[in-house]
Amino acid sequence: MRFLERINDQQIRQTGSGDGDSTSADQLQKIRSEAEPMLAAGDEAIRRALSGDAEAFLRSSRQEGGQ
């Protein structure tokens, strides 16, 4: 479990009442399912930005000596 997921889970558990545990879990699952496409879009944007052979660029621009 990621750190932020753990914090969110703890916050939901603290605010929920005894009867609201199942609804809190449902809310958490809903939030996670809504956030998943945003995370995927962010990953895709990063992948596209770095796909131009970034490693070769970094190798060619590496400093040598006292440049």
Protein backbone atom coordinates (compact mmCIF):
# COMPACT_ATOMS: atom_id res chain seq x y z
CA MET A 1 0.00 0.00 0.00
CA ARG A 2 1.31 3.43 -0.88
CA PHE A 3 1.91 6.00 1.84
CA LEU A 4 -0.89 8.33 0.66
CA GLU A 5 -3.32 5.43 0.32
CA ARG A 6 -2.55 4.46 3.90
CA ILE A 7 -3.16 8.02 5.12
CA ASN A 8 -6.45 8.30 3.20
CA ASP A 9 -7.56 4.93 4.52
CA GLN A 10 -6.78 5.99 8.09
CA GLN A 11 -8.65 9.28 7.66
CA ILE A 12 -11.73 7.51 6.32
CA ARG A 13 -11.64 5.02 9.19
CA GLN A 14 -11.38 7.85 11.75
CA THR A 15 -14.28 9.83 10.31
CA GLY A 16 -16.55 6.82 9.78
CA SER A 17 -18.92 5.62 12.46
CA GLY A 18 -19.47 2.01 13.45
CA ASP A 19 -22.31 1.59 10.94
CA GLY A 20 -20.50 3.54 8.26
CA ASP A 21 -17.55 1.19 7.85
CA SER A 22 -18.92 -0.44 4.72
CA THR A 23 -19.87 2.91 3.22
CA SER A 24 -16.42 4.27 4.07
CA ALA A 25 -14.83 1.33 2.31
CA ASP A 26 -17.16 1.89 -0.64
CA GLN A 27 -16.19 5.57 -0.76
CA LEU A 28 -12.51 4.69 -0.64
CA GLN A 29 -12.93 2.22 -3.49
CA LYS A 30 -14.86 4.82 -5.50
CA ILE A 31 -12.13 7.43 -4.99
CA ARG A 32 -9.45 4.95 -6.00
CA SER A 33 -11.32 3.91 -9.13
CA GLU A 34 -11.83 7.57 -10.09
CA ALA A 35 -8.16 8.38 -9.51
CA GLU A 36 -6.83 5.44 -11.55
CA PRO A 37 -7.44 7.07 -14.98
CA MET A 38 -5.71 10.26 -13.82
CA LEU A 39 -2.66 8.30 -12.69
CA ALA A 40 -2.60 6.42 -15.98
CA ALA A 41 -2.82 9.68 -17.94
CA GLY A 42 0.07 11.13 -15.94
CA ASP A 43 2.17 8.03 -16.56
CA GLU A 44 1.40 8.21 -20.27
CA ALA A 45 2.33 11.91 -20.44
CA ILE A 46 5.65 11.23 -18.73
CA ARG A 47 6.33 8.27 -21.00
CA ARG A 48 5.63 10.35 -24.13
CA ALA A 49 7.79 13.22 -22.89
CA LEU A 50 10.74 10.94 -22.21
CA SER A 51 10.36 8.59 -25.17
CA GLY A 52 12.65 10.62 -27.48
CA ASP A 53 15.63 8.46 -26.51
CA ALA A 54 16.33 10.49 -23.39
CA GLU A 55 19.08 8.11 -22.30
CA ALA A 56 21.11 8.76 -25.47
CA PHE A 57 20.64 12.50 -25.00
CA LEU A 58 21.87 12.31 -21.42
CA ARG A 59 24.90 10.25 -22.48
CA SER A 60 25.82 12.76 -25.19
CA SER A 61 25.47 15.76 -22.90
CA ARG A 62 27.39 14.29 -19.95
CA GLN A 63 30.15 16.55 -18.68
CA GLU A 64 33.72 15.35 -18.83
CA GLY A 65 36.54 16.86 -16.88
CA GLY A 66 36.17 20.55 -16.04
CA GLN A 67 33.68 21.54 -18.72
